[in-house]
C-alpha atoms as a PDB file:
ATOM      1  CA  UNK A   1     101.335 111.052 160.557  1.00  0.00           C
ATOM      2  CA  UNK A   2     104.203 113.515 160.089  1.00  0.00           C
ATOM      3  CA  UNK A   3     104.233 116.847 161.837  1.00  0.00           C
ATOM      4  CA  UNK A   4     106.633 119.607 160.829  1.00  0.00           C
ATOM      5  CA  UNK A   5     107.756 121.995 163.648  1.00  0.00           C
ATOM      6  CA  UNK A   6     108.240 125.453 162.186  1.00  0.00           C
ATOM      7  CA  UNK A   7     108.635 129.015 163.354  1.00  0.00           C
ATOM      8  CA  UNK A   8     111.015 131.994 163.449  1.00  0.00           C
ATOM      9  CA  UNK A   9     114.534 131.400 164.699  1.00  0.00           C
ATOM     10  CA  UNK A  10     114.960 131.237 168.517  1.00  0.00           C
ATOM     11  CA  UNK A  11     111.245 130.782 169.333  1.00  0.00           C
ATOM     12  CA  UNK A  12     111.822 127.359 170.913  1.00  0.00           C
ATOM     13  CA  UNK A  13     111.443 124.961 168.032  1.00  0.00           C
ATOM     14  CA  UNK A  14     114.445 122.838 168.664  1.00  0.00           C
ATOM     15  CA  UNK A  15     113.913 122.944 172.487  1.00  0.00           C
ATOM     16  CA  UNK A  16     110.416 121.663 171.974  1.00  0.00           C
ATOM     17  CA  UNK A  17     111.689 119.083 169.452  1.00  0.00           C
ATOM     18  CA  UNK A  18     114.269 117.830 172.136  1.00  0.00           C
ATOM     19  CA  UNK A  19     111.468 117.451 174.572  1.00  0.00           C
ATOM     20  CA  UNK A  20     109.085 115.370 172.488  1.00  0.00           C
ATOM     21  CA  UNK A  21     111.523 113.212 170.823  1.00  0.00           C
ATOM     22  CA  UNK A  22     114.654 113.238 173.138  1.00  0.00           C
ATOM     23  CA  UNK A  23     116.435 113.248 169.821  1.00  0.00           C
ATOM     24  CA  UNK A  24     119.107 115.829 170.926  1.00  0.00           C
ATOM     25  CA  UNK A  25     118.676 118.224 168.108  1.00  0.00           C
ATOM     26  CA  UNK A  26     121.372 120.959 168.441  1.00  0.00           C
ATOM     27  CA  UNK A  27     119.975 123.989 170.278  1.00  0.00           C
ATOM     28  CA  UNK A  28     121.710 127.369 170.320  1.00  0.00           C
ATOM     29  CA  UNK A  29     120.947 131.003 170.861  1.00  0.00           C
ATOM     30  CA  UNK A  30     121.377 132.048 167.238  1.00  0.00           C
ATOM     31  CA  UNK A  31     119.374 131.646 163.960  1.00  0.00           C
ATOM     32  CA  UNK A  32     119.802 128.839 161.559  1.00  0.00           C
ATOM     33  CA  UNK A  33     121.385 126.516 163.997  1.00  0.00           C
ATOM     34  CA  UNK A  34     119.213 123.747 162.594  1.00  0.00           C
ATOM     35  CA  UNK A  35     119.942 123.527 158.879  1.00  0.00           C
ATOM     36  CA  UNK A  36     118.956 119.867 158.140  1.00  0.00           C
ATOM     37  CA  UNK A  37     115.573 118.817 159.386  1.00  0.00           C
ATOM     38  CA  UNK A  38     115.824 116.608 162.348  1.00  0.00           C
ATOM     39  CA  UNK A  39     113.615 113.797 162.367  1.00  0.00           C
ATOM     40  CA  UNK A  40     112.205 111.960 165.432  1.00  0.00           C
ATOM     41  CA  UNK A  41     109.710 109.157 165.721  1.00  0.00           C
ATOM     42  CA  UNK A  42     107.709 109.043 169.007  1.00  0.00           C
ATOM     43  CA  UNK A  43     105.180 106.622 170.424  1.00  0.00           C
ATOM     44  CA  UNK A  44     101.650 107.920 170.929  1.00  0.00           C
ATOM     45  CA  UNK A  45     100.707 107.538 174.598  1.00  0.00           C
ATOM     46  CA  UNK A  46      97.787 105.210 174.938  1.00  0.00           C
ATOM     47  CA  UNK A  47      96.790 103.807 178.484  1.00  0.00           C
ATOM     48  CA  UNK A  48      94.553 101.226 176.803  1.00  0.00           C
ATOM     49  CA  UNK A  49      97.645  99.368 175.592  1.00  0.00           C
ATOM     50  CA  UNK A  50      98.957  98.777 179.155  1.00  0.00           C
ATOM     51  CA  UNK A  51      95.605  97.434 180.374  1.00  0.00           C
ATOM     52  CA  UNK A  52      95.408  95.066 177.370  1.00  0.00           C
ATOM     53  CA  UNK A  53      99.008  93.999 177.797  1.00  0.00           C
ATOM     54  CA  UNK A  54      98.290  92.877 181.460  1.00  0.00           C
ATOM     55  CA  UNK A  55      94.938  91.199 180.300  1.00  0.00           C
ATOM     56  CA  UNK A  56      96.635  89.178 177.553  1.00  0.00           C
ATOM     57  CA  UNK A  57     100.046  88.756 179.391  1.00  0.00           C
ATOM     58  CA  UNK A  58     101.471  89.748 175.994  1.00  0.00           C
ATOM     59  CA  UNK A  59     105.042  89.649 175.021  1.00  0.00           C
ATOM     60  CA  UNK A  60     105.115  92.884 173.038  1.00  0.00           C
ATOM     61  CA  UNK A  61     103.461  96.186 173.034  1.00  0.00           C
ATOM     62  CA  UNK A  62     103.485  98.551 169.944  1.00  0.00           C
ATOM     63  CA  UNK A  63     101.968 101.925 170.219  1.00  0.00           C
ATOM     64  CA  UNK A  64     100.954 104.107 167.281  1.00  0.00           C
ATOM     65  CA  UNK A  65     103.696 106.543 166.362  1.00  0.00           C
ATOM     66  CA  UNK A  66     104.139 110.012 165.074  1.00  0.00           C
ATOM     67  CA  UNK A  67     106.915 111.553 163.158  1.00  0.00           C
ATOM     68  CA  UNK A  68     108.145 115.003 164.170  1.00  0.00           C
ATOM     69  CA  UNK A  69     110.355 116.869 161.715  1.00  0.00           C
ATOM     70  CA  UNK A  70     112.221 119.973 163.216  1.00  0.00           C
ATOM     71  CA  UNK A  71     112.464 122.416 160.245  1.00  0.00           C
ATOM     72  CA  UNK A  72     114.944 125.328 160.416  1.00  0.00           C
ATOM     73  CA  UNK A  73     113.923 128.721 161.366  1.00  0.00           C
ATOM     74  CA  UNK A  74     112.039 130.689 158.475  1.00  0.00           C
ATOM     75  CA  UNK A  75     112.706 134.434 158.034  1.00  0.00           C
ATOM     76  CA  UNK A  76     111.228 137.163 155.959  1.00  0.00           C
ATOM     77  CA  UNK A  77     111.951 136.561 152.294  1.00  0.00           C
ATOM     78  CA  UNK A  78     112.069 132.702 152.586  1.00  0.00           C
ATOM     79  CA  UNK A  79     109.793 132.404 149.534  1.00  0.00           C
ATOM     80  CA  UNK A  80     112.515 134.138 147.657  1.00  0.00           C
ATOM     81  CA  UNK A  81     115.254 131.987 148.947  1.00  0.00           C
ATOM     82  CA  UNK A  82     116.323 134.259 151.876  1.00  0.00           C
ATOM     83  CA  UNK A  83     117.884 132.357 154.843  1.00  0.00           C
ATOM     84  CA  UNK A  84     117.920 129.089 152.842  1.00  0.00           C
ATOM     85  CA  UNK A  85     114.210 129.541 152.571  1.00  0.00           C
ATOM     86  CA  UNK A  86     113.475 127.324 149.444  1.00  0.00           C
ATOM     87  CA  UNK A  87     114.995 124.338 151.224  1.00  0.00           C
ATOM     88  CA  UNK A  88     112.851 125.001 154.286  1.00  0.00           C
ATOM     89  CA  UNK A  89     109.803 125.222 152.427  1.00  0.00           C
ATOM     90  CA  UNK A  90     110.314 122.062 150.576  1.00  0.00           C
ATOM     91  CA  UNK A  91     110.577 120.277 153.839  1.00  0.00           C
ATOM     92  CA  UNK A  92     107.189 121.818 154.973  1.00  0.00           C
ATOM     93  CA  UNK A  93     105.525 120.654 151.844  1.00  0.00           C
ATOM     94  CA  UNK A  94     106.359 116.863 152.804  1.00  0.00           C
ATOM     95  CA  UNK A  95     104.535 116.996 156.245  1.00  0.00           C
ATOM     96  CA  UNK A  96     100.782 116.182 156.976  1.00  0.00           C
ATOM     97  CA  UNK A  97     100.327 119.074 159.367  1.00  0.00           C
ATOM     98  CA  UNK A  98     102.426 122.020 160.824  1.00  0.00           C
ATOM     99  CA  UNK A  99     103.294 122.627 164.498  1.00  0.00           C
ATOM    100  CA  UNK A 100     103.924 126.519 164.349  1.00  0.00           C
ATOM    101  CA  UNK A 101     105.814 127.420 167.418  1.00  0.00           C
ATOM    102  CA  UNK A 102     105.250 130.993 168.436  1.00  0.00           C
ATOM    103  CA  UNK A 103     107.222 132.807 171.243  1.00  0.00           C
ATOM    104  CA  UNK A 104     104.856 133.847 173.984  1.00  0.00           C
ATOM    105  CA  UNK A 105     107.613 134.785 176.573  1.00  0.00           C
ATOM    106  CA  UNK A 106     109.493 137.891 177.367  1.00  0.00           C
ATOM    107  CA  UNK A 107     113.091 138.504 178.453  1.00  0.00           C
ATOM    108  CA  UNK A 108     116.226 139.556 176.666  1.00  0.00           C
ATOM    109  CA  UNK A 109     118.364 136.606 177.277  1.00  0.00           C
ATOM    110  CA  UNK A 110     117.129 134.784 174.284  1.00  0.00           C
ATOM    111  CA  UNK A 111     117.586 136.901 171.020  1.00  0.00           C
ATOM    112  CA  UNK A 112     114.492 137.534 168.853  1.00  0.00           C
ATOM    113  CA  UNK A 113     115.218 137.790 165.180  1.00  0.00           C
ATOM    114  CA  UNK A 114     112.949 140.972 164.970  1.00  0.00           C
ATOM    115  CA  UNK A 115     114.117 142.439 168.323  1.00  0.00           C
ATOM    116  CA  UNK A 116     110.896 142.224 170.227  1.00  0.00           C
ATOM    117  CA  UNK A 117     108.092 139.774 171.248  1.00  0.00           C
ATOM    118  CA  UNK A 118     105.029 139.926 169.118  1.00  0.00           C
ATOM    119  CA  UNK A 119     103.384 136.611 168.428  1.00  0.00           C
ATOM    120  CA  UNK A 120     100.965 137.863 165.833  1.00  0.00           C
ATOM    121  CA  UNK A 121     103.765 139.691 163.848  1.00  0.00           C
ATOM    122  CA  UNK A 122     105.726 136.413 163.984  1.00  0.00           C
ATOM    123  CA  UNK A 123     102.776 134.349 162.776  1.00  0.00           C
ATOM    124  CA  UNK A 124     102.151 136.813 159.974  1.00  0.00           C
ATOM    125  CA  UNK A 125     105.856 136.724 158.960  1.00  0.00           C
ATOM    126  CA  UNK A 126     105.752 132.962 158.609  1.00  0.00           C
ATOM    127  CA  UNK A 127     102.310 132.795 157.007  1.00  0.00           C
ATOM    128  CA  UNK A 128     103.254 135.548 154.480  1.00  0.00           C
ATOM    129  CA  UNK A 129     106.170 133.403 153.103  1.00  0.00           C
ATOM    130  CA  UNK A 130     103.995 130.397 152.905  1.00  0.00           C
ATOM    131  CA  UNK A 131     101.272 132.403 151.130  1.00  0.00           C
ATOM    132  CA  UNK A 132     103.784 133.975 148.637  1.00  0.00           C
ATOM    133  CA  UNK A 133     105.172 130.392 147.894  1.00  0.00           C
ATOM    134  CA  UNK A 134     101.552 129.086 147.428  1.00  0.00           C
ATOM    135  CA  UNK A 135     100.654 132.017 145.120  1.00  0.00           C
ATOM    136  CA  UNK A 136     103.489 130.987 142.710  1.00  0.00           C
ATOM    137  CA  UNK A 137     102.365 127.510 142.674  1.00  0.00           C
ATOM    138  CA  UNK A 138      98.692 128.478 142.234  1.00  0.00           C
ATOM    139  CA  UNK A 139      99.465 130.869 139.334  1.00  0.00           C
ATOM    140  CA  UNK A 140     101.617 128.471 137.362  1.00  0.00           C
ATOM    141  CA  UNK A 141      98.979 125.715 137.923  1.00  0.00           C
ATOM    142  CA  UNK A 142      96.118 128.029 136.894  1.00  0.00           C
ATOM    143  CA  UNK A 143      97.930 129.020 133.646  1.00  0.00           C
ATOM    144  CA  UNK A 144      98.308 125.473 132.592  1.00  0.00           C
ATOM    145  CA  UNK A 145      94.731 124.488 133.544  1.00  0.00           C
ATOM    146  CA  UNK A 146      93.407 127.399 131.609  1.00  0.00           C
ATOM    147  CA  UNK A 147      95.316 126.445 128.466  1.00  0.00           C
ATOM    148  CA  UNK A 148      93.921 122.832 128.790  1.00  0.00           C
ATOM    149  CA  UNK A 149      90.326 124.376 128.968  1.00  0.00           C
ATOM    150  CA  UNK A 150      90.996 126.402 125.913  1.00  0.00           C
ATOM    151  CA  UNK A 151      92.220 123.284 124.051  1.00  0.00           C
ATOM    152  CA  UNK A 152      88.813 121.615 124.784  1.00  0.00           C
ATOM    153  CA  UNK A 153      89.925 119.576 127.886  1.00  0.00           C
ATOM    154  CA  UNK A 154      86.747 120.329 129.881  1.00  0.00           C
ATOM    155  CA  UNK A 155      87.847 118.267 132.959  1.00  0.00           C
ATOM    156  CA  UNK A 156      90.251 121.007 133.770  1.00  0.00           C
ATOM    157  CA  UNK A 157      87.490 123.587 134.228  1.00  0.00           C
ATOM    158  CA  UNK A 158      86.844 122.518 137.988  1.00  0.00           C
ATOM    159  CA  UNK A 159      90.460 122.701 138.570  1.00  0.00           C
ATOM    160  CA  UNK A 160      90.676 126.177 137.101  1.00  0.00           C
ATOM    161  CA  UNK A 161      87.711 127.371 139.130  1.00  0.00           C
ATOM    162  CA  UNK A 162      89.096 126.113 142.504  1.00  0.00           C
ATOM    163  CA  UNK A 163      92.474 127.739 141.668  1.00  0.00           C
ATOM    164  CA  UNK A 164      91.001 130.993 141.003  1.00  0.00           C
ATOM    165  CA  UNK A 165      88.963 130.790 144.233  1.00  0.00           C
ATOM    166  CA  UNK A 166      92.257 130.039 146.177  1.00  0.00           C
ATOM    167  CA  UNK A 167      94.170 132.743 144.311  1.00  0.00           C
ATOM    168  CA  UNK A 168      91.801 135.452 145.580  1.00  0.00           C
ATOM    169  CA  UNK A 169      92.533 134.777 149.303  1.00  0.00           C
ATOM    170  CA  UNK A 170      96.173 134.340 148.656  1.00  0.00           C
ATOM    171  CA  UNK A 171      96.472 137.768 146.996  1.00  0.00           C
ATOM    172  CA  UNK A 172      94.673 139.052 150.210  1.00  0.00           C
ATOM    173  CA  UNK A 173      97.503 137.608 152.356  1.00  0.00           C
ATOM    174  CA  UNK A 174      95.262 134.880 153.729  1.00  0.00           C
ATOM    175  CA  UNK A 175      95.940 131.139 153.863  1.00  0.00           C
ATOM    176  CA  UNK A 176      94.087 128.497 151.779  1.00  0.00           C
ATOM    177  CA  UNK A 177      92.926 126.826 154.965  1.00  0.00           C
ATOM    178  CA  UNK A 178      90.589 129.825 155.705  1.00  0.00           C
ATOM    179  CA  UNK A 179      88.237 128.721 152.735  1.00  0.00           C
ATOM    180  CA  UNK A 180      85.534 126.186 152.800  1.00  0.00           C
ATOM    181  CA  UNK A 181      85.674 123.342 150.351  1.00  0.00           C
ATOM    182  CA  UNK A 182      83.274 120.879 148.892  1.00  0.00           C
ATOM    183  CA  UNK A 183      84.189 117.140 149.000  1.00  0.00           C
ATOM    184  CA  UNK A 184      85.070 117.416 145.286  1.00  0.00           C
ATOM    185  CA  UNK A 185      87.292 120.511 145.838  1.00  0.00           C
ATOM    186  CA  UNK A 186      89.121 118.739 148.654  1.00  0.00           C
ATOM    187  CA  UNK A 187      90.006 115.953 146.497  1.00  0.00           C
ATOM    188  CA  UNK A 188      91.467 118.359 143.943  1.00  0.00           C
ATOM    189  CA  UNK A 189      93.032 120.462 146.608  1.00  0.00           C
ATOM    190  CA  UNK A 190      95.207 117.297 147.704  1.00  0.00           C
ATOM    191  CA  UNK A 191      96.836 117.477 144.325  1.00  0.00           C
ATOM    192  CA  UNK A 192      98.064 120.934 144.719  1.00  0.00           C
ATOM    193  CA  UNK A 193     100.217 120.317 147.790  1.00  0.00           C
ATOM    194  CA  UNK A 194      99.722 123.769 149.008  1.00  0.00           C
ATOM    195  CA  UNK A 195     101.589 124.935 152.158  1.00  0.00           C
ATOM    196  CA  UNK A 196      98.887 127.026 153.574  1.00  0.00           C
ATOM    197  CA  UNK A 197      96.176 124.358 153.123  1.00  0.00           C
ATOM    198  CA  UNK A 198      97.862 122.169 155.712  1.00  0.00           C
ATOM    199  CA  UNK A 199      96.350 121.871 159.198  1.00  0.00           C
ATOM    200  CA  UNK A 200      98.128 123.957 161.704  1.00  0.00           C
ATOM    201  CA  UNK A 201      98.664 123.657 165.533  1.00  0.00           C
ATOM    202  CA  UNK A 202      99.897 126.886 166.945  1.00  0.00           C
ATOM    203  CA  UNK A 203     102.228 126.064 169.870  1.00  0.00           C
ATOM    204  CA  UNK A 204     102.207 129.035 172.228  1.00  0.00           C
ATOM    205  CA  UNK A 205     105.633 128.661 174.145  1.00  0.00           C
ATOM    206  CA  UNK A 206     105.600 130.300 177.552  1.00  0.00           C
ATOM    207  CA  UNK A 207     108.115 130.575 180.302  1.00  0.00           C
ATOM    208  CA  UNK A 208     108.294 128.319 183.399  1.00  0.00           C
ATOM    209  CA  UNK A 209     107.166 131.395 185.483  1.00  0.00           C
ATOM    210  CA  UNK A 210     104.001 131.727 183.246  1.00  0.00           C
ATOM    211  CA  UNK A 211     102.647 128.193 183.716  1.00  0.00           C
ATOM    212  CA  UNK A 212      99.200 128.156 185.016  1.00  0.00           C
ATOM    213  CA  UNK A 213      98.853 131.928 184.704  1.00  0.00           C
ATOM    214  CA  UNK A 214      96.972 134.021 182.201  1.00  0.00           C
ATOM    215  CA  UNK A 215      99.141 135.222 179.296  1.00  0.00           C
ATOM    216  CA  UNK A 216      98.069 138.148 176.972  1.00  0.00           C
ATOM    217  CA  UNK A 217     100.247 136.707 174.162  1.00  0.00           C
ATOM    218  CA  UNK A 218      98.685 133.262 174.365  1.00  0.00           C
ATOM    219  CA  UNK A 219      95.218 134.934 174.298  1.00  0.00           C
ATOM    220  CA  UNK A 220      96.247 136.713 171.014  1.00  0.00           C
ATOM    221  CA  UNK A 221      97.391 133.479 169.477  1.00  0.00           C
ATOM    222  CA  UNK A 222      94.258 131.539 170.574  1.00  0.00           C
ATOM    223  CA  UNK A 223      91.969 134.434 169.036  1.00  0.00           C
ATOM    224  CA  UNK A 224      93.985 134.363 165.721  1.00  0.00           C
ATOM    225  CA  UNK A 225      93.875 130.562 165.434  1.00  0.00           C
ATOM    226  CA  UNK A 226      90.091 130.378 165.753  1.00  0.00           C
ATOM    227  CA  UNK A 227      89.952 132.769 162.763  1.00  0.00           C
ATOM    228  CA  UNK A 228      91.794 130.135 160.598  1.00  0.00           C
ATOM    229  CA  UNK A 229      90.050 127.055 162.186  1.00  0.00           C
ATOM    230  CA  UNK A 230      93.468 125.981 163.692  1.00  0.00           C
ATOM    231  CA  UNK A 231      94.251 124.503 167.161  1.00  0.00           C
ATOM    232  CA  UNK A 232      96.279 126.381 169.894  1.00  0.00           C
ATOM    233  CA  UNK A 233      98.385 124.421 172.360  1.00  0.00           C
ATOM    234  CA  UNK A 234      99.925 126.256 175.371  1.00  0.00           C
ATOM    235  CA  UNK A 235     103.406 124.709 176.216  1.00  0.00           C
ATOM    236  CA  UNK A 236     106.575 125.503 178.096  1.00  0.00           C
ATOM    237  CA  UNK A 237     109.214 123.866 175.966  1.00  0.00           C
ATOM    238  CA  UNK A 238     111.971 124.435 178.465  1.00  0.00           C
ATOM    239  CA  UNK A 239     110.113 122.687 181.125  1.00  0.00           C
ATOM    240  CA  UNK A 240     109.103 119.872 178.718  1.00  0.00           C
ATOM    241  CA  UNK A 241     112.812 119.514 177.868  1.00  0.00           C
ATOM    242  CA  UNK A 242     113.745 119.206 181.532  1.00  0.00           C
ATOM    243  CA  UNK A 243     111.063 116.638 182.212  1.00  0.00           C
ATOM    244  CA  UNK A 244     112.087 114.633 179.041  1.00  0.00           C
ATOM    245  CA  UNK A 245     115.499 113.799 180.937  1.00  0.00           C
ATOM    246  CA  UNK A 246     113.825 112.262 184.142  1.00  0.00           C
ATOM    247  CA  UNK A 247     112.700 108.845 184.970  1.00  0.00           C
ATOM    248  CA  UNK A 248     108.859 108.410 185.629  1.00  0.00           C
ATOM    249  CA  UNK A 249     108.666 109.080 189.340  1.00  0.00           C
ATOM    250  CA  UNK A 250     110.818 112.239 189.216  1.00  0.00           C
ATOM    251  CA  UNK A 251     108.857 113.407 186.100  1.00  0.00           C
ATOM    252  CA  UNK A 252     105.564 113.057 187.857  1.00  0.00           C
ATOM    253  CA  UNK A 253     106.857 115.029 190.798  1.00  0.00           C
ATOM    254  CA  UNK A 254     108.342 117.831 188.773  1.00  0.00           C
ATOM    255  CA  UNK A 255     105.035 118.026 186.761  1.00  0.00           C
ATOM    256  CA  UNK A 256     103.085 118.393 189.942  1.00  0.00           C
ATOM    257  CA  UNK A 257     105.448 121.033 191.249  1.00  0.00           C
ATOM    258  CA  UNK A 258     105.236 123.090 187.985  1.00  0.00           C
ATOM    259  CA  UNK A 259     101.375 122.578 187.815  1.00  0.00           C
ATOM    260  CA  UNK A 260     101.376 120.628 184.554  1.00  0.00           C
ATOM    261  CA  UNK A 261      98.266 118.565 184.005  1.00  0.00           C
ATOM    262  CA  UNK A 262      99.605 116.824 180.914  1.00  0.00           C
ATOM    263  CA  UNK A 263     102.785 116.646 178.856  1.00  0.00           C
ATOM    264  CA  UNK A 264     103.284 118.919 175.864  1.00  0.00           C
ATOM    265  CA  UNK A 265     103.506 115.757 173.685  1.00  0.00           C
ATOM    266  CA  UNK A 266     100.151 114.589 174.915  1.00  0.00           C
ATOM    267  CA  UNK A 267      98.640 118.091 174.048  1.00  0.00           C
ATOM    268  CA  UNK A 268     100.262 118.333 170.726  1.00  0.00           C
ATOM    269  CA  UNK A 269      99.125 114.744 169.758  1.00  0.00           C
ATOM    270  CA  UNK A 270      95.507 115.361 170.846  1.00  0.00           C
ATOM    271  CA  UNK A 271      95.561 118.527 168.775  1.00  0.00           C
ATOM    272  CA  UNK A 272      97.071 116.619 165.879  1.00  0.00           C
ATOM    273  CA  UNK A 273      94.597 113.754 166.038  1.00  0.00           C
ATOM    274  CA  UNK A 274      91.617 116.225 166.077  1.00  0.00           C
ATOM    275  CA  UNK A 275      92.945 118.284 163.293  1.00  0.00           C
ATOM    276  CA  UNK A 276      93.576 115.431 161.005  1.00  0.00           C
ATOM    277  CA  UNK A 277      90.500 113.462 161.954  1.00  0.00           C
ATOM    278  CA  UNK A 278      92.454 110.414 163.334  1.00  0.00           C
ATOM    279  CA  UNK A 279      91.496 107.477 165.651  1.00  0.00           C
ATOM    280  CA  UNK A 280      93.137 104.406 166.731  1.00  0.00           C
ATOM    281  CA  UNK A 281      91.952 100.899 166.707  1.00  0.00           C
ATOM    282  CA  UNK A 282      93.588  98.059 168.512  1.00  0.00           C
ATOM    283  CA  UNK A 283      94.706  94.560 168.015  1.00  0.00           C
ATOM    284  CA  UNK A 284      95.370  92.182 171.044  1.00  0.00           C
ATOM    285  CA  UNK A 285      96.881  88.795 171.722  1.00  0.00           C
ATOM    286  CA  UNK A 286      99.566  86.975 173.413  1.00  0.00           C
ATOM    287  CA  UNK A 287     102.211  87.776 170.941  1.00  0.00           C
ATOM    288  CA  UNK A 288     101.384  91.391 170.645  1.00  0.00           C
ATOM    289  CA  UNK A 289      99.379  94.362 171.645  1.00  0.00           C
ATOM    290  CA  UNK A 290      99.144  97.191 169.142  1.00  0.00           C
ATOM    291  CA  UNK A 291      97.566 100.465 168.295  1.00  0.00           C
ATOM    292  CA  UNK A 292      96.768 101.408 164.646  1.00  0.00           C
ATOM    293  CA  UNK A 293      96.155 104.870 163.477  1.00  0.00           C
ATOM    294  CA  UNK A 294      93.485 105.438 160.741  1.00  0.00           C
ATOM    295  CA  UNK A 295      91.325 108.383 159.559  1.00  0.00           C
ATOM    296  CA  UNK A 296      87.779 108.724 160.829  1.00  0.00           C
ATOM    297  CA  UNK A 297      85.465 107.236 158.161  1.00  0.00           C
ATOM    298  CA  UNK A 298      87.797 104.426 157.377  1.00  0.00           C
ATOM    299  CA  UNK A 299      85.996 101.149 156.609  1.00  0.00           C
ATOM    300  CA  UNK A 300      86.940  97.657 157.930  1.00  0.00           C
ATOM    301  CA  UNK A 301      88.779  96.372 154.807  1.00  0.00           C
ATOM    302  CA  UNK A 302      90.952  99.530 154.472  1.00  0.00           C
ATOM    303  CA  UNK A 303      91.704  99.387 158.294  1.00  0.00           C
ATOM    304  CA  UNK A 304      92.883  95.772 157.852  1.00  0.00           C
ATOM    305  CA  UNK A 305      94.994  96.905 155.099  1.00  0.00           C
ATOM    306  CA  UNK A 306      97.039  98.996 157.503  1.00  0.00           C
ATOM    307  CA  UNK A 307      98.245  95.713 158.891  1.00  0.00           C
ATOM    308  CA  UNK A 308      99.021  93.988 155.594  1.00  0.00           C
ATOM    309  CA  UNK A 309      97.667  94.452 152.133  1.00  0.00           C
ATOM    310  CA  UNK A 310      96.721  90.701 152.082  1.00  0.00           C
ATOM    311  CA  UNK A 311      94.224  91.427 154.989  1.00  0.00           C
ATOM    312  CA  UNK A 312      92.480  93.991 152.746  1.00  0.00           C
ATOM    313  CA  UNK A 313      92.496  91.790 149.555  1.00  0.00           C
ATOM    314  CA  UNK A 314      91.109  88.768 151.081  1.00  0.00           C
ATOM    315  CA  UNK A 315      88.891  90.446 153.761  1.00  0.00           C
ATOM    316  CA  UNK A 316      86.039  88.270 154.905  1.00  0.00           C
ATOM    317  CA  UNK A 317      84.848  89.992 158.108  1.00  0.00           C
ATOM    318  CA  UNK A 318      86.021  91.737 161.292  1.00  0.00           C
ATOM    319  CA  UNK A 319      85.170  90.504 164.699  1.00  0.00           C
ATOM    320  CA  UNK A 320      84.953  93.598 166.842  1.00  0.00           C
ATOM    321  CA  UNK A 321      84.452  94.320 170.447  1.00  0.00           C
ATOM    322  CA  UNK A 322      84.778  97.779 172.075  1.00  0.00           C
ATOM    323  CA  UNK A 323      87.708  98.410 174.400  1.00  0.00           C
ATOM    324  CA  UNK A 324      85.322  99.258 177.208  1.00  0.00           C
ATOM    325  CA  UNK A 325      83.237  96.061 176.853  1.00  0.00           C
ATOM    326  CA  UNK A 326      86.437  93.993 176.571  1.00  0.00           C
ATOM    327  CA  UNK A 327      87.850  95.331 179.766  1.00  0.00           C
ATOM    328  CA  UNK A 328      84.402  95.269 181.630  1.00  0.00           C
ATOM    329  CA  UNK A 329      83.983  91.477 180.771  1.00  0.00           C
ATOM    330  CA  UNK A 330      87.649  90.490 181.358  1.00  0.00           C
ATOM    331  CA  UNK A 331      88.484  89.064 177.902  1.00  0.00           C
ATOM    332  CA  UNK A 332      87.348  88.569 174.308  1.00  0.00           C
ATOM    333  CA  UNK A 333      85.686  85.066 175.015  1.00  0.00           C
ATOM    334  CA  UNK A 334      83.871  86.432 177.901  1.00  0.00           C
ATOM    335  CA  UNK A 335      82.608  89.537 175.945  1.00  0.00           C
ATOM    336  CA  UNK A 336      81.599  87.107 173.226  1.00  0.00           C
ATOM    337  CA  UNK A 337      79.495  84.967 175.576  1.00  0.00           C
ATOM    338  CA  UNK A 338      77.617  88.211 176.569  1.00  0.00           C
ATOM    339  CA  UNK A 339      76.931  89.156 172.964  1.00  0.00           C
ATOM    340  CA  UNK A 340      79.413  92.151 172.821  1.00  0.00           C
ATOM    341  CA  UNK A 341      81.417  90.906 170.018  1.00  0.00           C
ATOM    342  CA  UNK A 342      79.990  91.801 166.630  1.00  0.00           C
ATOM    343  CA  UNK A 343      80.811  90.347 163.257  1.00  0.00           C
ATOM    344  CA  UNK A 344      81.059  93.382 160.820  1.00  0.00           C
ATOM    345  CA  UNK A 345      81.387  93.414 156.982  1.00  0.00           C
ATOM    346  CA  UNK A 346      82.996  95.461 154.295  1.00  0.00           C
ATOM    347  CA  UNK A 347      80.796  98.452 154.919  1.00  0.00           C
ATOM    348  CA  UNK A 348      81.580  98.805 158.643  1.00  0.00           C
ATOM    349  CA  UNK A 349      83.068 102.111 159.615  1.00  0.00           C
ATOM    350  CA  UNK A 350      85.760 101.737 162.264  1.00  0.00           C
ATOM    351  CA  UNK A 351      85.442 103.438 165.672  1.00  0.00           C
ATOM    352  CA  UNK A 352      88.120 104.599 168.021  1.00  0.00           C
ATOM    353  CA  UNK A 353      88.744 101.939 170.589  1.00  0.00           C
ATOM    354  CA  UNK A 354      87.552  99.061 168.457  1.00  0.00           C
ATOM    355  CA  UNK A 355      89.465  95.896 169.417  1.00  0.00           C
ATOM    356  CA  UNK A 356      89.585  93.788 166.256  1.00  0.00           C
ATOM    357  CA  UNK A 357      90.275  90.300 164.929  1.00  0.00           C
ATOM    358  CA  UNK A 358      90.331  90.496 161.141  1.00  0.00           C
ATOM    359  CA  UNK A 359      89.179  87.279 159.217  1.00  0.00           C
ATOM    360  CA  UNK A 360      90.687  87.079 155.657  1.00  0.00           C
ATOM    361  CA  UNK A 361      91.528  84.557 152.946  1.00  0.00           C
ATOM    362  CA  UNK A 362      94.106  84.973 150.257  1.00  0.00           C
END
């Protein structure tokens, strides 16, 4: 999963990126400090892996990973190329979901590109640029689809109908994700690569002094995100960056002092998994314990294909035990003796926490 971190200049994007990837993206108090997208690959925290590692006395633990892309600050006119906008928009097009960082802290020490703090205005600024970019894409594609329909290519009729539906909301300044789609429309929608159809996590960036307190800016962001079916995560990017430089013991102590119940990374990952409909299944043995990320609804052969294409091609069956049962009975063989290991075929839909041994023949 690739998440693109976006927002206006100086809202805390690079600070947050530093915190969650420890990648050291340059951070400065002026716009366009980040011109090329910085990329960081981070492990997905999963306590189940540590438990399984002890159980199997494994030599290697491999968590699932997320890729974060820190995309430079967008400004008004980005859809027309302002502030290197076209380049930034192309980077957004390549991600699976957007982490939209919104400034929800006051103070004059950090310059705001529009001179004042107003999270809804900031969201509108970014969304409008994405809407304008999508509107151009939709218009071009619609003209082409309608031309094919006139030439007797009836298969383009559904595409034209969907594009018209999306065009109406875009012309109202709304995003494509505010619409409801049938399964057939969702398949077509993927081919359009629309910016405003991407799932969004609004990341409300607060000050350290506001941790654990009510915040009128954050409340506004939450209310807006509900109208879009998006997620909101409250985070203090500065505190997260400070925590990222500490060892485990000091990090736990500072987290307690600040009143942070979980890290910003954990919050963003949970929101990302929920938005994209992702789960993790596990493989375990003496050589390696590993988590694999798949979409909800993935069947066993396709899940096996995540490990190697040969596993999917030659899939015979999957021997599966739930993580909870495996831990409760102390091992795979013990769980099998208790009848907790299931033999599942090609139609089995994977569940989060399945511990799997795939049987295949190529």
